[in-house]
N, C-alpha and C. Protein backbone atom coordinates (compact mmCIF):
# COMPACT_ATOMS: atom_id res chain seq x y z
N MET A 1 -56.91 143.59 62.16
CA MET A 1 -58.19 143.61 62.78
C MET A 1 -58.36 142.37 63.73
N CYS A 2 -59.48 142.79 64.55
CA CYS A 2 -59.56 141.77 65.69
C CYS A 2 -61.12 141.30 65.55
N TYR A 3 -61.08 140.16 65.78
CA TYR A 3 -62.62 139.29 65.38
C TYR A 3 -63.34 139.71 66.26
N VAL A 4 -64.90 139.82 65.86
CA VAL A 4 -65.97 140.43 66.84
C VAL A 4 -67.23 139.25 66.72
N GLY A 5 -67.07 138.54 67.79
CA GLY A 5 -68.08 137.66 67.76
C GLY A 5 -69.74 138.15 67.13
N LYS A 6 -70.66 137.03 67.17
CA LYS A 6 -71.96 137.54 66.98
C LYS A 6 -72.46 138.07 68.28
N ALA A 7 -72.62 137.64 69.53
CA ALA A 7 -72.79 137.82 70.85
C ALA A 7 -72.37 139.06 71.09
N THR A 8 -71.18 139.68 70.69
CA THR A 8 -70.82 140.83 70.89
C THR A 8 -71.51 141.70 70.24
N LYS A 9 -71.86 141.78 68.94
CA LYS A 9 -72.34 142.50 68.05
C LYS A 9 -73.75 142.75 68.64
N ILE A 10 -74.53 141.50 68.83
CA ILE A 10 -75.91 141.96 69.57
C ILE A 10 -75.65 142.69 70.68
N PHE A 11 -74.77 142.56 71.73
CA PHE A 11 -74.84 143.64 73.03
C PHE A 11 -74.34 144.79 72.45
N ILE A 12 -73.38 145.51 71.47
CA ILE A 12 -73.42 146.66 71.05
C ILE A 12 -74.66 147.22 70.88
N PHE A 13 -75.49 146.42 69.90
CA PHE A 13 -76.47 147.03 68.89
C PHE A 13 -77.47 147.38 70.46
N ILE A 14 -77.75 146.29 71.24
CA ILE A 14 -78.80 146.98 72.38
C ILE A 14 -78.37 148.14 73.10
N VAL A 15 -76.97 148.29 73.43
CA VAL A 15 -76.61 149.37 74.11
C VAL A 15 -76.81 150.65 73.46
N ALA A 16 -76.74 150.64 71.98
CA ALA A 16 -76.60 151.82 71.26
C ALA A 16 -78.02 151.92 71.24
N VAL A 17 -79.09 150.97 71.17
CA VAL A 17 -80.64 151.52 71.42
C VAL A 17 -80.67 152.22 72.56
N LEU A 18 -80.48 151.29 73.85
CA LEU A 18 -80.51 151.89 74.94
C LEU A 18 -79.89 153.68 75.22
N VAL A 19 -79.03 153.90 74.59
CA VAL A 19 -78.39 155.04 74.53
C VAL A 19 -79.15 156.17 73.56
N VAL A 20 -80.03 155.34 72.54
CA VAL A 20 -80.64 156.61 71.82
C VAL A 20 -81.90 156.55 72.32
N VAL A 21 -82.42 155.57 73.20
CA VAL A 21 -83.90 156.20 73.79
C VAL A 21 -83.84 156.67 75.02
N GLY A 22 -82.46 156.63 75.52
CA GLY A 22 -82.39 157.47 76.79
C GLY A 22 -82.12 158.99 76.42
N PHE A 23 -81.39 159.42 75.33
CA PHE A 23 -81.31 160.48 75.19
C PHE A 23 -82.76 161.33 74.50
N VAL A 24 -83.49 160.53 73.92
CA VAL A 24 -85.01 160.89 73.46
C VAL A 24 -85.70 161.46 74.39
N LEU A 25 -85.80 160.43 75.46
CA LEU A 25 -86.53 160.46 76.95
C LEU A 25 -85.74 161.78 77.67
N GLY A 26 -84.83 161.71 77.49
CA GLY A 26 -84.04 162.92 78.48
C GLY A 26 -84.53 164.23 77.99
N PHE A 27 -84.10 164.40 76.81
CA PHE A 27 -84.46 165.61 75.81
C PHE A 27 -85.93 165.90 75.71
N SER A 28 -87.00 164.88 75.80
CA SER A 28 -88.36 165.06 76.11
C SER A 28 -88.83 165.82 77.28
N ILE A 29 -87.99 165.12 78.17
CA ILE A 29 -88.55 165.66 79.57
C ILE A 29 -87.76 167.02 79.67
N MET A 30 -86.63 167.24 79.19
CA MET A 30 -86.35 168.62 79.46
C MET A 30 -86.96 169.51 78.98
N GLY A 31 -87.86 169.19 77.69
CA GLY A 31 -88.74 169.91 77.10
C GLY A 31 -89.79 170.68 77.68
N LEU A 32 -90.21 169.43 78.50
CA LEU A 32 -91.81 169.52 79.02
C LEU A 32 -91.31 170.52 80.31
N ARG A 33 -90.40 170.35 80.93
CA ARG A 33 -89.73 170.76 82.12
C ARG A 33 -90.02 172.74 81.83
N ASN A 34 -89.02 172.79 80.85
CA ASN A 34 -89.42 174.25 80.31
C ASN A 34 -90.22 174.79 79.66
N LEU A 35 -91.46 173.99 79.39
CA LEU A 35 -92.56 174.22 78.93
C LEU A 35 -93.53 175.02 80.17
N LYS A 36 -93.47 174.21 81.01
CA LYS A 36 -94.35 174.17 82.52
C LYS A 36 -93.58 175.35 83.28
N ALA A 37 -92.16 175.67 83.26
CA ALA A 37 -91.19 176.97 83.75
C ALA A 37 -91.77 177.91 83.24
N HIS A 38 -92.08 178.03 81.86
CA HIS A 38 -92.49 179.36 81.33
C HIS A 38 -93.69 180.14 81.54
N LYS A 39 -93.30 181.45 82.17
CA LYS A 39 -94.58 182.22 82.46
C LYS A 39 -95.13 182.99 81.42
N CYS A 40 -96.44 182.93 81.10
CA CYS A 40 -97.19 183.90 80.06
C CYS A 40 -97.53 184.84 80.60
N SER A 41 -97.40 185.93 79.91
CA SER A 41 -97.71 187.17 79.98
C SER A 41 -98.13 187.63 78.94
N ASP A 42 -98.51 187.31 77.61
CA ASP A 42 -98.86 188.05 76.78
C ASP A 42 -100.45 187.71 76.70
N ASP A 43 -101.30 188.58 76.26
CA ASP A 43 -102.80 187.97 75.79
C ASP A 43 -102.86 186.67 75.14
N TYR A 44 -102.02 186.26 73.99
CA TYR A 44 -102.18 185.08 73.63
C TYR A 44 -102.50 183.99 74.65
N CYS A 45 -101.69 184.12 75.82
CA CYS A 45 -101.37 182.84 76.68
C CYS A 45 -102.74 182.90 77.83
N ARG A 46 -103.47 183.74 77.54
CA ARG A 46 -104.26 184.04 78.71
C ARG A 46 -105.46 183.18 78.36
N LYS A 47 -106.19 182.98 79.20
CA LYS A 47 -107.56 182.19 79.28
C LYS A 47 -108.53 182.86 78.60
N PRO A 48 -109.47 182.63 77.66
CA PRO A 48 -110.91 183.71 77.66
C PRO A 48 -111.66 183.88 78.88
N ILE A 49 -112.36 185.00 79.00
CA ILE A 49 -113.03 184.86 80.04
C ILE A 49 -114.40 184.52 79.48
N SER A 50 -115.30 183.55 79.84
CA SER A 50 -116.59 183.43 79.50
C SER A 50 -117.55 184.58 79.76
N SER A 51 -118.21 184.80 78.74
CA SER A 51 -119.23 185.74 78.94
C SER A 51 -120.60 185.25 79.39
N ASP A 52 -120.90 184.20 79.59
CA ASP A 52 -121.88 183.56 80.12
C ASP A 52 -121.56 182.39 81.33
N PRO A 53 -121.46 182.80 82.54
CA PRO A 53 -120.75 182.17 83.54
C PRO A 53 -121.93 180.89 83.86
N VAL A 54 -121.17 179.55 84.23
CA VAL A 54 -122.23 178.68 84.50
C VAL A 54 -122.59 178.64 85.91
N PRO A 55 -123.82 178.74 86.49
CA PRO A 55 -124.13 179.00 88.03
C PRO A 55 -123.61 177.77 88.86
N THR A 56 -123.13 177.96 89.92
CA THR A 56 -122.38 176.69 90.60
C THR A 56 -123.33 176.25 91.64
N THR A 57 -124.44 176.80 91.75
CA THR A 57 -125.53 176.19 92.59
C THR A 57 -126.57 175.17 91.93
N THR A 58 -127.03 174.19 92.55
CA THR A 58 -127.85 172.94 91.83
C THR A 58 -129.40 173.31 92.48
N THR A 59 -129.62 174.43 92.90
CA THR A 59 -131.11 174.36 93.32
C THR A 59 -131.85 174.74 91.87
N SER A 60 -133.09 174.15 92.24
CA SER A 60 -133.82 174.10 91.00
C SER A 60 -135.26 175.14 91.30
N THR A 61 -135.70 175.82 90.19
CA THR A 61 -136.98 176.36 90.52
C THR A 61 -138.01 175.96 89.90
N THR A 62 -137.83 175.25 88.96
CA THR A 62 -138.75 174.88 87.93
C THR A 62 -139.47 173.79 88.57
N ALA A 63 -140.73 173.51 87.65
CA ALA A 63 -141.59 172.61 88.17
C ALA A 63 -140.85 170.74 88.24
N PRO A 64 -141.38 170.22 88.43
CA PRO A 64 -140.87 168.51 88.45
C PRO A 64 -141.47 168.39 87.21
N ALA A 65 -140.80 167.36 86.73
CA ALA A 65 -141.23 166.96 85.12
C ALA A 65 -142.24 165.91 85.10
N TYR A 66 -142.95 165.24 86.49
CA TYR A 66 -143.87 164.31 86.63
C TYR A 66 -144.83 164.81 87.71
N SER A 67 -145.94 165.36 87.62
CA SER A 67 -146.97 165.33 88.39
C SER A 67 -148.05 164.71 88.67
N PRO A 68 -148.26 164.35 89.67
CA PRO A 68 -149.62 163.23 89.90
C PRO A 68 -151.15 163.91 89.31
N PRO A 69 -151.79 162.87 88.73
CA PRO A 69 -152.91 163.46 88.29
C PRO A 69 -153.81 164.12 89.40
N SER A 70 -154.58 165.29 89.35
CA SER A 70 -155.73 165.80 90.63
C SER A 70 -156.73 164.85 90.69
N PRO A 71 -157.20 164.57 91.66
CA PRO A 71 -158.40 163.84 91.57
C PRO A 71 -159.71 164.46 91.26
N PRO A 72 -160.40 163.74 90.62
CA PRO A 72 -161.80 164.27 89.90
C PRO A 72 -162.54 164.96 90.68
N ALA A 73 -162.90 166.14 90.42
CA ALA A 73 -164.08 167.11 91.00
C ALA A 73 -164.90 166.47 91.28
N ALA A 74 -165.77 166.29 92.49
CA ALA A 74 -167.06 165.80 92.69
C ALA A 74 -168.05 166.93 92.46
N GLU A 75 -168.96 166.41 91.70
CA GLU A 75 -170.12 166.97 90.78
C GLU A 75 -171.27 167.13 91.83
N SER A 76 -171.63 167.89 92.48
CA SER A 76 -172.82 168.24 93.30
C SER A 76 -173.88 168.73 92.29
N GLN A 77 -174.94 167.66 92.01
CA GLN A 77 -176.27 167.65 91.35
C GLN A 77 -177.33 167.87 92.06
N GLY A 78 -177.06 167.64 93.53
CA GLY A 78 -178.36 167.66 94.27
C GLY A 78 -178.81 166.12 95.06
N PRO A 79 -179.56 166.14 95.74
CA PRO A 79 -179.96 164.85 96.04
C PRO A 79 -180.39 163.92 94.92
N VAL A 80 -180.12 162.75 95.15
CA VAL A 80 -180.73 161.64 93.89
C VAL A 80 -181.81 160.96 94.67
N HIS A 81 -183.03 160.99 93.80
CA HIS A 81 -184.09 160.48 94.36
C HIS A 81 -184.25 159.32 93.59
N ALA A 82 -184.64 158.21 94.26
CA ALA A 82 -184.83 156.79 93.59
C ALA A 82 -185.93 156.42 93.60
């Protein structure tokens, strides 16, 4: 048997970890690519149609939240005699 030093063991360990990480990332990217390429045709894959659509216009027909008070009505009691 040949002698394997400490630095060589560390190097082999680092290379093994990088290979495992490469396989994990590679297979996960392939899985995501296949998932995106899948064309859904079943009823399960379709998005539900909303029964209450949200209007896209921003016009408002309601009164504003704050309205200034109206001026006091002038009371007409006739001429004032002193």
